[in-house]
Structure formats: structure tokens, C-alpha cells
């Protein structure tokens, strides 16, 4: 059995997020987010066996807010796929929503592993972290900010300035 997982956020098309959430209506003053978690498949399986749901890195992405809601100007300005700034505790206590046959959900992956135990043995050799997606409904007040893409001109200016924050003489250890 072959099971393909994205290894980068850029490999997940925004259309997938839309398709998974078209049947979800959001109540006023709430927003729907995607929680993209990155971890190696073997760690996901091992954590599930230990009854530990921890993952190392999760990125909350904006999906949508309630239609016609009197959302604050900030939330109303967010776009599909914007990276949100939220606390882990706010995300943890928010309501998880099932997507439409979400093949990138951790529980979907674990169900496949339970049907085919050789996947765990195969996954031990995989060192790349894979992206898993779940969906949550959060109060708009939990969204503290968002990250936007810095345009290419600003990036090149920043890279060309060659900022050095800490400078230590080389001992040769890190040069190898």
C-alpha cells in the first residue's frame, strides 16, 4: 500500500483546505482555521501507541470567518492560508472539526497504519517530517496576529545588509 504525505506547507494546495471545509458554516465572532502539524510518520505512530498526542510543530492557517458577521476589521482582512499568530493553549481548547474525508488527518493516517502494520516498519526509515492537517473553530479574539509574505525587494535588502548579531572567532568546529 502506498500512502503519500506532503512534506512542506507549500505542497498543500489551498483548494484542498476549501474542499475540506465547504460544508462548515462558522458562527458569528468565530473563525475556522487549519492546524498543519509537521512530524515524522514514525513519531506520530509511536506517540499514538503511547497515548501521547504531542507533535513538534503546528502552524495555524486562516480558512474563513462567519459570513456577514460584524467581524473586526482585522479578522475581516485575513485571507485563506494566512499564517496566524495564536497561543498553543488557545488552539488546544478550541473545538476540533472533522473535514470531508480528510486524508491528511493524523487519525486517518493512524487508521491506515492499524489496517497495515508494515507501514510502521516502513516509516521508521523515513526521516522527512510530513504535514498533517486538522481543522478547528476558534473565537476571533484568539487570533492575535498573522504573518504575511515579505515582498522580494525587502528580502533582498535584508539579505544584502549581511547583519551579524553574534560574532565569535572560528574554532574550526562548525566549519567542517
Protein backbone atom coordinates (compact mmCIF):
# COMPACT_ATOMS: atom_id res chain seq x y z
CA UNK A 1 0.00 0.00 0.00
CA UNK A 2 1.29 3.44 -0.90
CA UNK A 3 0.44 6.50 1.17
CA UNK A 4 1.81 9.89 0.11
CA UNK A 5 2.09 12.81 2.53
CA UNK A 6 3.19 16.39 1.84
CA UNK A 7 6.49 17.36 3.46
CA UNK A 8 6.15 21.14 3.01
CA UNK A 9 3.34 23.56 3.61
CA UNK A 10 3.70 24.74 0.01
CA UNK A 11 2.75 21.24 -1.20
CA UNK A 12 -0.76 21.59 0.26
CA UNK A 13 -2.99 23.40 -2.24
CA UNK A 14 -5.36 25.98 -0.75
CA UNK A 15 -8.11 24.27 -2.77
CA UNK A 16 -7.68 21.21 -0.53
CA UNK A 17 -8.45 23.34 2.55
CA UNK A 18 -11.50 24.83 0.81
CA UNK A 19 -12.77 21.42 -0.34
CA UNK A 20 -12.45 20.02 3.18
CA UNK A 21 -14.45 22.86 4.74
CA UNK A 22 -17.16 23.82 2.22
CA UNK A 23 -19.88 22.21 4.34
CA UNK A 24 -18.83 24.05 7.52
CA UNK A 25 -20.65 27.26 8.46
CA UNK A 26 -18.98 29.36 11.11
CA UNK A 27 -20.98 31.14 13.82
CA UNK A 28 -20.65 34.92 14.26
CA UNK A 29 -17.46 36.02 16.05
CA UNK A 30 -15.68 32.73 15.24
CA UNK A 31 -13.24 31.66 12.55
CA UNK A 32 -12.30 28.33 11.02
CA UNK A 33 -8.59 27.52 10.97
CA UNK A 34 -6.48 24.67 9.65
CA UNK A 35 -3.85 23.35 12.00
CA UNK A 36 -0.91 21.98 9.99
CA UNK A 37 1.37 19.81 12.11
CA UNK A 38 4.75 18.53 10.94
CA UNK A 39 6.23 15.32 12.30
CA UNK A 40 7.84 12.14 11.05
CA UNK A 41 5.28 9.38 10.48
CA UNK A 42 7.14 7.03 12.87
CA UNK A 43 6.86 9.57 15.71
CA UNK A 44 3.12 10.00 15.05
CA UNK A 45 2.64 6.23 15.22
CA UNK A 46 4.86 5.86 18.29
CA UNK A 47 3.05 8.70 20.11
CA UNK A 48 -0.33 7.12 19.33
CA UNK A 49 0.83 3.78 20.77
CA UNK A 50 1.97 5.61 23.94
CA UNK A 51 -1.34 7.57 24.04
CA UNK A 52 0.66 10.80 23.62
CA UNK A 53 -0.90 13.24 21.13
CA UNK A 54 2.05 15.64 21.03
CA UNK A 55 3.51 16.95 17.79
CA UNK A 56 6.56 19.11 17.49
CA UNK A 57 5.44 21.94 15.21
CA UNK A 58 1.98 23.19 14.27
CA UNK A 59 1.09 26.15 12.08
CA UNK A 60 -2.42 27.65 12.29
CA UNK A 61 -3.77 28.84 8.92
CA UNK A 62 -6.83 31.03 8.43
CA UNK A 63 -9.65 29.44 6.43
CA UNK A 64 -12.72 31.65 6.88
CA UNK A 65 -14.79 33.67 9.31
CA UNK A 66 -18.57 33.80 9.65
CA UNK A 67 -20.27 35.18 6.54
CA UNK A 68 -21.93 38.54 7.11
CA UNK A 69 -20.58 38.73 10.63
CA UNK A 70 -19.63 42.03 12.15
CA UNK A 71 -16.03 40.79 12.35
CA UNK A 72 -13.47 43.29 13.46
CA UNK A 73 -11.60 44.92 10.61
CA UNK A 74 -8.51 42.83 11.37
CA UNK A 75 -10.20 39.43 11.07
CA UNK A 76 -12.18 40.61 8.05
CA UNK A 77 -8.87 41.44 6.30
CA UNK A 78 -7.44 37.91 6.65
CA UNK A 79 -7.14 35.69 3.58
CA UNK A 80 -7.32 31.95 3.05
CA UNK A 81 -3.98 30.42 4.03
CA UNK A 82 -2.65 33.35 6.10
CA UNK A 83 -0.38 32.08 8.90
CA UNK A 84 -1.94 33.06 12.22
CA UNK A 85 -0.32 34.05 15.49
CA UNK A 86 -2.12 32.24 18.29
CA UNK A 87 -1.19 30.71 21.63
CA UNK A 88 -0.91 26.94 21.85
CA UNK A 89 -3.31 26.86 24.79
CA UNK A 90 -6.00 28.76 22.82
CA UNK A 91 -5.62 26.28 19.97
CA UNK A 92 -5.69 23.29 22.34
CA UNK A 93 -9.00 24.25 23.95
CA UNK A 94 -10.72 25.09 20.64
CA UNK A 95 -13.29 22.82 19.02
CA UNK A 96 -11.85 20.32 16.52
CA UNK A 97 -13.93 19.84 13.37
CA UNK A 98 -13.70 16.86 11.01
CA UNK A 99 -13.02 17.66 7.37
CA UNK A 100 -14.70 15.89 4.46
CA UNK A 101 -12.71 12.63 4.21
CA UNK A 102 -9.56 14.46 5.29
CA UNK A 103 -6.80 12.11 4.12
CA UNK A 104 -4.20 14.36 5.78
CA UNK A 105 -5.70 13.98 9.26
CA UNK A 106 -3.47 12.21 11.80
CA UNK A 107 -6.35 9.91 12.79
CA UNK A 108 -6.93 8.93 9.15
CA UNK A 109 -3.23 8.04 8.85
CA UNK A 110 -3.34 6.04 12.09
CA UNK A 111 -6.40 4.10 10.87
CA UNK A 112 -4.45 3.08 7.76
CA UNK A 113 -1.49 2.05 9.94
CA UNK A 114 -3.79 -0.12 12.08
CA UNK A 115 -5.02 -1.88 8.93
CA UNK A 116 -1.50 -2.39 7.59
CA UNK A 117 1.18 -2.84 10.30
CA UNK A 118 4.01 -2.88 7.74
CA UNK A 119 3.53 0.88 7.30
CA UNK A 120 5.06 1.44 10.75
CA UNK A 121 8.09 -0.67 9.85
CA UNK A 122 8.46 1.22 6.58
CA UNK A 123 8.00 4.60 8.27
CA UNK A 124 10.98 4.06 10.57
CA UNK A 125 13.23 4.62 7.55
CA UNK A 126 11.54 7.93 6.65
CA UNK A 127 13.40 10.90 8.12
CA UNK A 128 11.35 13.67 6.46
CA UNK A 129 8.62 15.27 8.50
CA UNK A 130 5.18 15.04 6.93
CA UNK A 131 2.34 17.56 7.14
CA UNK A 132 -0.90 16.52 8.83
CA UNK A 133 -3.98 18.76 8.89
CA UNK A 134 -6.84 19.17 11.34
CA UNK A 135 -9.48 21.89 11.49
CA UNK A 136 -10.65 23.97 14.44
CA UNK A 137 -13.21 26.66 15.15
CA UNK A 138 -11.74 29.44 17.29
CA UNK A 139 -13.14 32.67 18.72
CA UNK A 140 -11.90 35.65 16.70
CA UNK A 141 -10.34 37.03 19.89
CA UNK A 142 -7.89 34.07 19.89
CA UNK A 143 -6.30 35.37 16.69
CA UNK A 144 -3.60 37.73 17.91
CA UNK A 145 -1.97 38.43 14.57
CA UNK A 146 -0.89 36.93 11.28
CA UNK A 147 2.23 36.58 9.19
CA UNK A 148 2.24 37.88 5.65
CA UNK A 149 4.77 37.28 2.94
CA UNK A 150 7.51 39.87 2.82
CA UNK A 151 7.89 41.09 -0.73
CA UNK A 152 11.01 40.10 -2.65
CA UNK A 153 12.50 43.61 -2.60
CA UNK A 154 12.51 43.73 1.21
CA UNK A 155 14.01 40.22 1.36
CA UNK A 156 16.86 41.15 -0.96
CA UNK A 157 17.56 44.35 1.01
CA UNK A 158 17.66 42.38 4.25
CA UNK A 159 19.93 39.68 2.77
CA UNK A 160 22.30 42.22 1.23
CA UNK A 161 22.86 44.02 4.53
CA UNK A 162 24.73 40.97 5.92
CA UNK A 163 23.69 41.58 9.51
CA UNK A 164 25.85 39.84 12.11
CA UNK A 165 24.27 39.68 15.54
CA UNK A 166 26.83 37.48 17.27
CA UNK A 167 30.37 37.18 16.04
CA UNK A 168 32.81 34.73 17.58
CA UNK A 169 36.19 33.71 16.29
CA UNK A 170 36.06 30.44 14.40
CA UNK A 171 37.40 27.43 16.22
CA UNK A 172 37.04 25.31 13.13
CA UNK A 173 34.45 23.04 14.76
CA UNK A 174 31.49 24.41 12.84
CA UNK A 175 33.43 24.91 9.61
CA UNK A 176 33.58 21.15 8.95
